[in-house]
Amino acid sequence: MNILSLKLGAFKGFFCKMQQTFTTSRPMKTLFEAVGFSQVKVVGCSLVPFPYLDRIAPRIYSAILRKYEHIDNLISDLPVLRELANHFVVLGVKKSPRTEVL
């Protein structure tokens, strides 16, 4: 997906002025485990198939999102669809270093 978006320039310019990159839940989980988190869970959020419609037609976009939100909440974290979500929320436990009281 990263290579495709770079070749097409699909995510730079009209819709977004910043370079965007994509990841999936597995590397995201691995990254958080590598920095010391345990019990890591990656949750997909916002499986909106039309994220840039708000720039083109804001009123229509708002109306569509209101109707679509409950469906999105049900499907955006399903195993296969999670990988297509616009956002990940990462949950994990990190032990804090022990501090000794003298």
PDB file of N, CA and C in Angstrom:
ATOM      1  N   MET A   1       0.826  -1.186   0.000  1.00  0.00           N
ATOM      2  CA  MET A   1       0.000   0.000   0.000  1.00  0.00           C
ATOM      3  C   MET A   1       0.875   1.257   0.000  1.00  0.00           C
ATOM      4  N   ASN A   2       1.962   1.230   0.778  1.00  0.00           N
ATOM      5  CA  ASN A   2       2.867   2.383   0.804  1.00  0.00           C
ATOM      6  C   ASN A   2       3.473   2.651  -0.566  1.00  0.00           C
ATOM      7  N   ILE A   3       3.924   1.595  -1.219  1.00  0.00           N
ATOM      8  CA  ILE A   3       4.552   1.744  -2.534  1.00  0.00           C
ATOM      9  C   ILE A   3       3.536   2.257  -3.543  1.00  0.00           C
ATOM     10  N   LEU A   4       2.327   1.709  -3.511  1.00  0.00           N
ATOM     11  CA  LEU A   4       1.278   2.135  -4.431  1.00  0.00           C
ATOM     12  C   LEU A   4       0.933   3.608  -4.241  1.00  0.00           C
ATOM     13  N   SER A   5       0.784   4.038  -3.004  1.00  0.00           N
ATOM     14  CA  SER A   5       0.431   5.438  -2.762  1.00  0.00           C
ATOM     15  C   SER A   5       1.553   6.388  -3.173  1.00  0.00           C
ATOM     16  N   LEU A   6       2.811   5.957  -3.001  1.00  0.00           N
ATOM     17  CA  LEU A   6       3.934   6.793  -3.435  1.00  0.00           C
ATOM     18  C   LEU A   6       3.981   6.912  -4.956  1.00  0.00           C
ATOM     19  N   LYS A   7       3.767   5.789  -5.642  1.00  0.00           N
ATOM     20  CA  LYS A   7       3.812   5.789  -7.110  1.00  0.00           C
ATOM     21  C   LYS A   7       2.696   6.643  -7.698  1.00  0.00           C
ATOM     22  N   LEU A   8       1.520   6.517  -7.134  1.00  0.00           N
ATOM     23  CA  LEU A   8       0.366   7.250  -7.658  1.00  0.00           C
ATOM     24  C   LEU A   8       0.291   8.682  -7.144  1.00  0.00           C
ATOM     25  N   GLY A   9       0.994   8.947  -6.059  1.00  0.00           N
ATOM     26  CA  GLY A   9       0.886  10.266  -5.438  1.00  0.00           C
ATOM     27  C   GLY A   9      -0.515  10.491  -4.891  1.00  0.00           C
ATOM     28  N   ALA A  10      -1.176   9.394  -4.583  1.00  0.00           N
ATOM     29  CA  ALA A  10      -2.590   9.453  -4.216  1.00  0.00           C
ATOM     30  C   ALA A  10      -2.854  10.184  -2.910  1.00  0.00           C
ATOM     31  N   PHE A  11      -1.891  10.219  -2.019  1.00  0.00           N
ATOM     32  CA  PHE A  11      -2.165  10.792  -0.713  1.00  0.00           C
ATOM     33  C   PHE A  11      -1.347  12.043  -0.440  1.00  0.00           C
ATOM     34  N   LYS A  12      -0.874  12.673  -1.482  1.00  0.00           N
ATOM     35  CA  LYS A  12      -0.100  13.892  -1.308  1.00  0.00           C
ATOM     36  C   LYS A  12      -0.618  14.918  -2.312  1.00  0.00           C
ATOM     37  N   GLY A  13      -0.880  16.098  -1.855  1.00  0.00           N
ATOM     38  CA  GLY A  13      -1.335  17.127  -2.779  1.00  0.00           C
ATOM     39  C   GLY A  13      -2.723  17.610  -2.439  1.00  0.00           C
ATOM     40  N   PHE A  14      -3.674  17.287  -3.271  1.00  0.00           N
ATOM     41  CA  PHE A  14      -5.034  17.816  -3.110  1.00  0.00           C
ATOM     42  C   PHE A  14      -5.661  17.438  -1.783  1.00  0.00           C
ATOM     43  N   PHE A  15      -5.602  16.161  -1.430  1.00  0.00           N
ATOM     44  CA  PHE A  15      -6.285  15.710  -0.232  1.00  0.00           C
ATOM     45  C   PHE A  15      -5.464  15.894   1.038  1.00  0.00           C
ATOM     46  N   CYS A  16      -4.184  15.740   0.939  1.00  0.00           N
ATOM     47  CA  CYS A  16      -3.337  15.776   2.129  1.00  0.00           C
ATOM     48  C   CYS A  16      -1.974  16.345   1.767  1.00  0.00           C
ATOM     49  N   LYS A  17      -1.489  17.282   2.557  1.00  0.00           N
ATOM     50  CA  LYS A  17      -0.200  17.901   2.258  1.00  0.00           C
ATOM     51  C   LYS A  17       0.978  17.117   2.836  1.00  0.00           C
ATOM     52  N   MET A  18       0.693  16.109   3.643  1.00  0.00           N
ATOM     53  CA  MET A  18       1.758  15.324   4.266  1.00  0.00           C
ATOM     54  C   MET A  18       1.867  13.950   3.621  1.00  0.00           C
ATOM     55  N   GLN A  19       3.063  13.423   3.638  1.00  0.00           N
ATOM     56  CA  GLN A  19       3.285  12.054   3.180  1.00  0.00           C
ATOM     57  C   GLN A  19       2.616  11.102   4.160  1.00  0.00           C
ATOM     58  N   GLN A  20       1.864  10.160   3.675  1.00  0.00           N
ATOM     59  CA  GLN A  20       1.223   9.189   4.545  1.00  0.00           C
ATOM     60  C   GLN A  20       1.838   7.820   4.329  1.00  0.00           C
ATOM     61  N   THR A  21       1.899   7.043   5.391  1.00  0.00           N
ATOM     62  CA  THR A  21       2.339   5.657   5.291  1.00  0.00           C
ATOM     63  C   THR A  21       1.289   4.783   5.958  1.00  0.00           C
ATOM     64  N   PHE A  22       1.342   3.513   5.666  1.00  0.00           N
ATOM     65  CA  PHE A  22       0.336   2.591   6.158  1.00  0.00           C
ATOM     66  C   PHE A  22       1.005   1.444   6.887  1.00  0.00           C
ATOM     67  N   THR A  23       0.295   0.892   7.840  1.00  0.00           N
ATOM     68  CA  THR A  23       0.773  -0.275   8.554  1.00  0.00           C
ATOM     69  C   THR A  23      -0.414  -1.182   8.824  1.00  0.00           C
ATOM     70  N   THR A  24      -0.134  -2.365   9.311  1.00  0.00           N
ATOM     71  CA  THR A  24      -1.190  -3.285   9.695  1.00  0.00           C
ATOM     72  C   THR A  24      -1.066  -3.566  11.188  1.00  0.00           C
ATOM     73  N   SER A  25      -2.004  -4.304  11.716  1.00  0.00           N
ATOM     74  CA  SER A  25      -2.024  -4.505  13.164  1.00  0.00           C
ATOM     75  C   SER A  25      -0.841  -5.336  13.678  1.00  0.00           C
ATOM     76  N   ARG A  26      -0.347  -6.285  12.903  1.00  0.00           N
ATOM     77  CA  ARG A  26       0.755  -7.143  13.381  1.00  0.00           C
ATOM     78  C   ARG A  26       2.043  -6.349  13.636  1.00  0.00           C
ATOM     79  N   PRO A  27       2.528  -5.538  12.663  1.00  0.00           N
ATOM     80  CA  PRO A  27       3.740  -4.758  12.974  1.00  0.00           C
ATOM     81  C   PRO A  27       3.512  -3.739  14.088  1.00  0.00           C
ATOM     82  N   MET A  28       2.296  -3.229  14.181  1.00  0.00           N
ATOM     83  CA  MET A  28       1.998  -2.277  15.254  1.00  0.00           C
ATOM     84  C   MET A  28       2.098  -2.972  16.609  1.00  0.00           C
ATOM     85  N   LYS A  29       1.553  -4.177  16.703  1.00  0.00           N
ATOM     86  CA  LYS A  29       1.632  -4.942  17.954  1.00  0.00           C
ATOM     87  C   LYS A  29       3.087  -5.276  18.282  1.00  0.00           C
ATOM     88  N   THR A  30       3.840  -5.718  17.285  1.00  0.00           N
ATOM     89  CA  THR A  30       5.253  -6.060  17.471  1.00  0.00           C
ATOM     90  C   THR A  30       6.051  -4.856  17.966  1.00  0.00           C
ATOM     91  N   LEU A  31       5.778  -3.696  17.413  1.00  0.00           N
ATOM     92  CA  LEU A  31       6.471  -2.480  17.823  1.00  0.00           C
ATOM     93  C   LEU A  31       6.223  -2.167  19.298  1.00  0.00           C
ATOM     94  N   PHE A  32       4.985  -2.257  19.731  1.00  0.00           N
ATOM     95  CA  PHE A  32       4.674  -1.962  21.132  1.00  0.00           C
ATOM     96  C   PHE A  32       5.256  -3.009  22.072  1.00  0.00           C
ATOM     97  N   GLU A  33       5.284  -4.263  21.646  1.00  0.00           N
ATOM     98  CA  GLU A  33       5.908  -5.301  22.473  1.00  0.00           C
ATOM     99  C   GLU A  33       7.413  -5.077  22.572  1.00  0.00           C
ATOM    100  N   ALA A  34       8.021  -4.607  21.491  1.00  0.00           N
ATOM    101  CA  ALA A  34       9.469  -4.371  21.480  1.00  0.00           C
ATOM    102  C   ALA A  34       9.890  -3.266  22.445  1.00  0.00           C
ATOM    103  N   VAL A  35       9.003  -2.332  22.723  1.00  0.00           N
ATOM    104  CA  VAL A  35       9.359  -1.251  23.649  1.00  0.00           C
ATOM    105  C   VAL A  35       8.856  -1.510  25.067  1.00  0.00           C
ATOM    106  N   GLY A  36       8.449  -2.769  25.326  1.00  0.00           N
ATOM    107  CA  GLY A  36       8.171  -3.151  26.702  1.00  0.00           C
ATOM    108  C   GLY A  36       6.723  -3.286  27.115  1.00  0.00           C
ATOM    109  N   PHE A  37       5.797  -3.167  26.185  1.00  0.00           N
ATOM    110  CA  PHE A  37       4.395  -3.356  26.553  1.00  0.00           C
ATOM    111  C   PHE A  37       4.043  -4.833  26.506  1.00  0.00           C
ATOM    112  N   SER A  38       3.146  -5.262  27.384  1.00  0.00           N
ATOM    113  CA  SER A  38       2.637  -6.634  27.342  1.00  0.00           C
ATOM    114  C   SER A  38       1.122  -6.555  27.166  1.00  0.00           C
ATOM    115  N   GLN A  39       0.512  -7.685  26.932  1.00  0.00           N
ATOM    116  CA  GLN A  39      -0.935  -7.750  26.729  1.00  0.00           C
ATOM    117  C   GLN A  39      -1.397  -6.726  25.683  1.00  0.00           C
ATOM    118  N   VAL A  40      -0.657  -6.634  24.600  1.00  0.00           N
ATOM    119  CA  VAL A  40      -0.933  -5.637  23.567  1.00  0.00           C
ATOM    120  C   VAL A  40      -2.123  -6.070  22.720  1.00  0.00           C
ATOM    121  N   LYS A  41      -3.033  -5.153  22.532  1.00  0.00           N
ATOM    122  CA  LYS A  41      -4.189  -5.383  21.672  1.00  0.00           C
ATOM    123  C   LYS A  41      -4.304  -4.196  20.726  1.00  0.00           C
ATOM    124  N   VAL A  42      -4.447  -4.469  19.445  1.00  0.00           N
ATOM    125  CA  VAL A  42      -4.612  -3.417  18.442  1.00  0.00           C
ATOM    126  C   VAL A  42      -6.056  -3.470  17.956  1.00  0.00           C
ATOM    127  N   VAL A  43      -6.729  -2.340  18.058  1.00  0.00           N
ATOM    128  CA  VAL A  43      -8.136  -2.247  17.693  1.00  0.00           C
ATOM    129  C   VAL A  43      -8.271  -1.345  16.473  1.00  0.00           C
ATOM    130  N   GLY A  44      -9.012  -1.803  15.479  1.00  0.00           N
ATOM    131  CA  GLY A  44      -9.260  -0.992  14.293  1.00  0.00           C
ATOM    132  C   GLY A  44     -10.422  -0.047  14.536  1.00  0.00           C
ATOM    133  N   CYS A  45     -10.286   1.184  14.086  1.00  0.00           N
ATOM    134  CA  CYS A  45     -11.335   2.192  14.238  1.00  0.00           C
ATOM    135  C   CYS A  45     -11.505   2.952  12.929  1.00  0.00           C
ATOM    136  N   SER A  46     -12.714   3.310  12.648  1.00  0.00           N
ATOM    137  CA  SER A  46     -13.021   4.169  11.507  1.00  0.00           C
ATOM    138  C   SER A  46     -12.694   3.515  10.171  1.00  0.00           C
ATOM    139  N   LEU A  47     -13.554   2.611   9.801  1.00  0.00           N
ATOM    140  CA  LEU A  47     -13.423   1.938   8.515  1.00  0.00           C
ATOM    141  C   LEU A  47     -14.259   2.701   7.487  1.00  0.00           C
ATOM    142  N   VAL A  48     -14.011   3.975   7.395  1.00  0.00           N
ATOM    143  CA  VAL A  48     -14.778   4.841   6.505  1.00  0.00           C
ATOM    144  C   VAL A  48     -14.240   4.677   5.086  1.00  0.00           C
ATOM    145  N   PRO A  49     -15.082   4.231   4.152  1.00  0.00           N
ATOM    146  CA  PRO A  49     -14.591   4.013   2.803  1.00  0.00           C
ATOM    147  C   PRO A  49     -14.408   5.294   1.989  1.00  0.00           C
ATOM    148  N   PHE A  50     -14.770   6.402   2.566  1.00  0.00           N
ATOM    149  CA  PHE A  50     -14.730   7.674   1.826  1.00  0.00           C
ATOM    150  C   PHE A  50     -14.161   8.787   2.693  1.00  0.00           C
ATOM    151  N   PRO A  51     -12.932   8.638   3.205  1.00  0.00           N
ATOM    152  CA  PRO A  51     -12.405   9.606   4.168  1.00  0.00           C
ATOM    153  C   PRO A  51     -12.166  11.004   3.610  1.00  0.00           C
ATOM    154  N   TYR A  52     -12.058  11.157   2.304  1.00  0.00           N
ATOM    155  CA  TYR A  52     -11.754  12.472   1.752  1.00  0.00           C
ATOM    156  C   TYR A  52     -12.981  13.190   1.213  1.00  0.00           C
ATOM    157  N   LEU A  53     -14.131  12.584   1.361  1.00  0.00           N
ATOM    158  CA  LEU A  53     -15.369  13.200   0.902  1.00  0.00           C
ATOM    159  C   LEU A  53     -15.652  14.496   1.663  1.00  0.00           C
ATOM    160  N   ASP A  54     -15.141  14.603   2.888  1.00  0.00           N
ATOM    161  CA  ASP A  54     -15.384  15.825   3.678  1.00  0.00           C
ATOM    162  C   ASP A  54     -14.783  17.064   3.025  1.00  0.00           C
ATOM    163  N   ARG A  55     -13.706  16.908   2.269  1.00  0.00           N
ATOM    164  CA  ARG A  55     -13.120  18.052   1.562  1.00  0.00           C
ATOM    165  C   ARG A  55     -13.961  18.461   0.364  1.00  0.00           C
ATOM    166  N   ILE A  56     -14.603  17.482  -0.244  1.00  0.00           N
ATOM    167  CA  ILE A  56     -15.370  17.742  -1.456  1.00  0.00           C
ATOM    168  C   ILE A  56     -16.792  18.200  -1.130  1.00  0.00           C
ATOM    169  N   ALA A  57     -17.431  17.517  -0.194  1.00  0.00           N
ATOM    170  CA  ALA A  57     -18.827  17.813   0.142  1.00  0.00           C
ATOM    171  C   ALA A  57     -19.053  17.622   1.642  1.00  0.00           C
ATOM    172  N   PRO A  58     -18.696  18.620   2.462  1.00  0.00           N
ATOM    173  CA  PRO A  58     -18.764  18.466   3.918  1.00  0.00           C
ATOM    174  C   PRO A  58     -20.154  18.119   4.462  1.00  0.00           C
ATOM    175  N   ARG A  59     -21.186  18.711   3.928  1.00  0.00           N
ATOM    176  CA  ARG A  59     -22.543  18.435   4.445  1.00  0.00           C
ATOM    177  C   ARG A  59     -22.969  17.002   4.160  1.00  0.00           C
ATOM    178  N   ILE A  60     -22.691  16.561   2.969  1.00  0.00           N
ATOM    179  CA  ILE A  60     -23.033  15.182   2.612  1.00  0.00           C
ATOM    180  C   ILE A  60     -22.226  14.210   3.477  1.00  0.00           C
ATOM    181  N   TYR A  61     -20.960  14.516   3.665  1.00  0.00           N
ATOM    182  CA  TYR A  61     -20.079  13.667   4.458  1.00  0.00           C
ATOM    183  C   TYR A  61     -20.602  13.526   5.888  1.00  0.00           C
ATOM    184  N   SER A  62     -20.988  14.626   6.499  1.00  0.00           N
ATOM    185  CA  SER A  62     -21.515  14.588   7.873  1.00  0.00           C
ATOM    186  C   SER A  62     -22.764  13.724   7.959  1.00  0.00           C
ATOM    187  N   ALA A  63     -23.653  13.874   7.004  1.00  0.00           N
ATOM    188  CA  ALA A  63     -24.894  13.093   7.008  1.00  0.00           C
ATOM    189  C   ALA A  63     -24.591  11.598   6.837  1.00  0.00           C
ATOM    190  N   ILE A  64     -23.681  11.280   5.937  1.00  0.00           N
ATOM    191  CA  ILE A  64     -23.320   9.882   5.707  1.00  0.00           C
ATOM    192  C   ILE A  64     -22.682   9.282   6.962  1.00  0.00           C
ATOM    193  N   LEU A  65     -21.790  10.031   7.588  1.00  0.00           N
ATOM    194  CA  LEU A  65     -21.129   9.514   8.792  1.00  0.00           C
ATOM    195  C   LEU A  65     -22.118   9.244   9.917  1.00  0.00           C
ATOM    196  N   ARG A  66     -23.088  10.112  10.089  1.00  0.00           N
ATOM    197  CA  ARG A  66     -24.096   9.885  11.140  1.00  0.00           C
ATOM    198  C   ARG A  66     -24.851   8.579  10.901  1.00  0.00           C
ATOM    199  N   LYS A  67     -25.175   8.304   9.654  1.00  0.00           N
ATOM    200  CA  LYS A  67     -25.907   7.074   9.322  1.00  0.00           C
ATOM    201  C   LYS A  67     -24.994   5.847   9.421  1.00  0.00           C
ATOM    202  N   TYR A  68     -23.747   6.007   9.075  1.00  0.00           N
ATOM    203  CA  TYR A  68     -22.809   4.897   8.952  1.00  0.00           C
ATOM    204  C   TYR A  68     -22.113   4.534  10.265  1.00  0.00           C
ATOM    205  N   GLU A  69     -22.106   5.431  11.239  1.00  0.00           N
ATOM    206  CA  GLU A  69     -21.300   5.249  12.453  1.00  0.00           C
ATOM    207  C   GLU A  69     -21.594   3.943  13.184  1.00  0.00           C
ATOM    208  N   HIS A  70     -22.857   3.596  13.352  1.00  0.00           N
ATOM    209  CA  HIS A  70     -23.169   2.366  14.099  1.00  0.00           C
ATOM    210  C   HIS A  70     -22.699   1.119  13.353  1.00  0.00           C
ATOM    211  N   ILE A  71     -22.740   1.141  12.035  1.00  0.00           N
ATOM    212  CA  ILE A  71     -22.242   0.017  11.240  1.00  0.00           C
ATOM    213  C   ILE A  71     -20.716  -0.059  11.384  1.00  0.00           C
ATOM    214  N   ASP A  72     -20.080   1.087  11.309  1.00  0.00           N
ATOM    215  CA  ASP A  72     -18.624   1.151  11.448  1.00  0.00           C
ATOM    216  C   ASP A  72     -18.174   0.584  12.791  1.00  0.00           C
ATOM    217  N   ASN A  73     -18.885   0.920  13.850  1.00  0.00           N
ATOM    218  CA  ASN A  73     -18.528   0.414  15.178  1.00  0.00           C
ATOM    219  C   ASN A  73     -18.608  -1.107  15.243  1.00  0.00           C
ATOM    220  N   LEU A  74     -19.520  -1.700  14.479  1.00  0.00           N
ATOM    221  CA  LEU A  74     -19.684  -3.154  14.484  1.00  0.00           C
ATOM    222  C   LEU A  74     -18.619  -3.878  13.658  1.00  0.00           C
ATOM    223  N   ILE A  75     -18.167  -3.266  12.557  1.00  0.00           N
ATOM    224  CA  ILE A  75     -17.316  -4.006  11.619  1.00  0.00           C
ATOM    225  C   ILE A  75     -15.845  -3.590  11.592  1.00  0.00           C
ATOM    226  N   SER A  76     -15.497  -2.421  12.101  1.00  0.00           N
ATOM    227  CA  SER A  76     -14.129  -1.920  11.920  1.00  0.00           C
ATOM    228  C   SER A  76     -13.062  -2.713  12.665  1.00  0.00           C
ATOM    229  N   ASP A  77     -13.445  -3.532  13.639  1.00  0.00           N
ATOM    230  CA  ASP A  77     -12.445  -4.325  14.347  1.00  0.00           C
ATOM    231  C   ASP A  77     -12.541  -5.817  14.031  1.00  0.00           C
ATOM    232  N   LEU A  78     -13.296  -6.182  13.012  1.00  0.00           N
ATOM    233  CA  LEU A  78     -13.309  -7.583  12.593  1.00  0.00           C
ATOM    234  C   LEU A  78     -11.932  -7.923  12.022  1.00  0.00           C
ATOM    235  N   PRO A  79     -11.465  -9.155  12.217  1.00  0.00           N
ATOM    236  CA  PRO A  79     -10.081  -9.503  11.870  1.00  0.00           C
ATOM    237  C   PRO A  79      -9.588  -9.052  10.494  1.00  0.00           C
ATOM    238  N   VAL A  80     -10.316  -9.286   9.448  1.00  0.00           N
ATOM    239  CA  VAL A  80      -9.832  -8.902   8.116  1.00  0.00           C
ATOM    240  C   VAL A  80     -10.023  -7.404   7.874  1.00  0.00           C
ATOM    241  N   LEU A  81     -11.159  -6.874   8.285  1.00  0.00           N
ATOM    242  CA  LEU A  81     -11.453  -5.459   8.051  1.00  0.00           C
ATOM    243  C   LEU A  81     -10.591  -4.525   8.892  1.00  0.00           C
ATOM    244  N   ARG A  82     -10.124  -5.007  10.040  1.00  0.00           N
ATOM    245  CA  ARG A  82      -9.265  -4.193  10.910  1.00  0.00           C
ATOM    246  C   ARG A  82      -8.065  -3.644  10.138  1.00  0.00           C
ATOM    247  N   GLU A  83      -7.534  -4.452   9.236  1.00  0.00           N
ATOM    248  CA  GLU A  83      -6.342  -4.047   8.483  1.00  0.00           C
ATOM    249  C   GLU A  83      -6.615  -2.899   7.516  1.00  0.00           C
ATOM    250  N   LEU A  84      -7.865  -2.650   7.208  1.00  0.00           N
ATOM    251  CA  LEU A  84      -8.236  -1.562   6.296  1.00  0.00           C
ATOM    252  C   LEU A  84      -8.716  -0.315   7.033  1.00  0.00           C
ATOM    253  N   ALA A  85      -8.746  -0.379   8.349  1.00  0.00           N
ATOM    254  CA  ALA A  85      -9.243   0.758   9.142  1.00  0.00           C
ATOM    255  C   ALA A  85      -8.331   1.973   8.984  1.00  0.00           C
ATOM    256  N   ASN A  86      -8.910   3.147   9.154  1.00  0.00           N
ATOM    257  CA  ASN A  86      -8.150   4.391   9.041  1.00  0.00           C
ATOM    258  C   ASN A  86      -7.292   4.669  10.269  1.00  0.00           C
ATOM    259  N   HIS A  87      -7.648   4.080  11.400  1.00  0.00           N
ATOM    260  CA  HIS A  87      -6.918   4.337  12.647  1.00  0.00           C
ATOM    261  C   HIS A  87      -6.790   3.048  13.445  1.00  0.00           C
ATOM    262  N   PHE A  88      -5.716   2.966  14.202  1.00  0.00           N
ATOM    263  CA  PHE A  88      -5.549   1.896  15.182  1.00  0.00           C
ATOM    264  C   PHE A  88      -5.499   2.530  16.566  1.00  0.00           C
ATOM    265  N   VAL A  89      -6.122   1.868  17.513  1.00  0.00           N
ATOM    266  CA  VAL A  89      -5.955   2.215  18.918  1.00  0.00           C
ATOM    267  C   VAL A  89      -5.198   1.039  19.518  1.00  0.00           C
ATOM    268  N   VAL A  90      -4.082   1.326  20.182  1.00  0.00           N
ATOM    269  CA  VAL A  90      -3.255   0.274  20.751  1.00  0.00           C
ATOM    270  C   VAL A  90      -3.392   0.308  22.265  1.00  0.00           C
ATOM    271  N   LEU A  91      -3.750  -0.831  22.821  1.00  0.00           N
ATOM    272  CA  LEU A  91      -3.892  -0.965  24.267  1.00  0.00           C
ATOM    273  C   LEU A  91      -2.808  -1.908  24.759  1.00  0.00           C
ATOM    274  N   GLY A  92      -2.210  -1.582  25.877  1.00  0.00           N
ATOM    275  CA  GLY A  92      -1.164  -2.448  26.412  1.00  0.00           C
ATOM    276  C   GLY A  92      -0.840  -2.077  27.842  1.00  0.00           C
ATOM    277  N   VAL A  93      -0.087  -2.940  28.463  1.00  0.00           N
ATOM    278  CA  VAL A  93       0.322  -2.733  29.857  1.00  0.00           C
ATOM    279  C   VAL A  93       1.825  -2.561  29.857  1.00  0.00           C
ATOM    280  N   LYS A  94       2.289  -1.528  30.531  1.00  0.00           N
ATOM    281  CA  LYS A  94       3.728  -1.312  30.660  1.00  0.00           C
ATOM    282  C   LYS A  94       4.041  -1.178  32.154  1.00  0.00           C
ATOM    283  N   LYS A  95       4.924  -2.030  32.613  1.00  0.00           N
ATOM    284  CA  LYS A  95       5.318  -1.954  33.999  1.00  0.00           C
ATOM    285  C   LYS A  95       6.185  -0.735  34.221  1.00  0.00           C
ATOM    286  N   SER A  96       5.891  -0.008  35.266  1.00  0.00           N
ATOM    287  CA  SER A  96       6.727   1.148  35.578  1.00  0.00           C
ATOM    288  C   SER A  96       7.933   0.660  36.378  1.00  0.00           C
ATOM    289  N   PRO A  97       9.053   1.347  36.220  1.00  0.00           N
ATOM    290  CA  PRO A  97      10.243   0.921  36.987  1.00  0.00           C
ATOM    291  C   PRO A  97       9.994   1.109  38.481  1.00  0.00           C
ATOM    292  N   ARG A  98      10.491   0.190  39.256  1.00  0.00           N
ATOM    293  CA  ARG A  98      10.313   0.292  40.709  1.00  0.00           C
ATOM    294  C   ARG A  98      11.215   1.381  41.254  1.00  0.00           C
ATOM    295  N   THR A  99      10.662   2.146  42.158  1.00  0.00           N
ATOM    296  CA  THR A  99      11.465   3.153  42.833  1.00  0.00           C
ATOM    297  C   THR A  99      11.559   2.747  44.311  1.00  0.00           C
ATOM    298  N   GLU A 100      12.749   2.745  44.808  1.00  0.00           N
ATOM    299  CA  GLU A 100      12.940   2.356  46.189  1.00  0.00           C
ATOM    300  C   GLU A 100      12.935   3.592  47.079  1.00  0.00           C
ATOM    301  N   VAL A 101      12.273   3.453  48.201  1.00  0.00           N
ATOM    302  CA  VAL A 101      12.231   4.535  49.182  1.00  0.00           C
ATOM    303  C   VAL A 101      13.323   4.269  50.210  1.00  0.00           C
ATOM    304  N   LEU A 102      14.154   5.262  50.433  1.00  0.00           N
ATOM    305  CA  LEU A 102      15.250   5.092  51.393  1.00  0.00           C
ATOM    306  C   LEU A 102      14.801   5.383  52.782  1.00  0.00           C
TER     307      LEU A 102
END
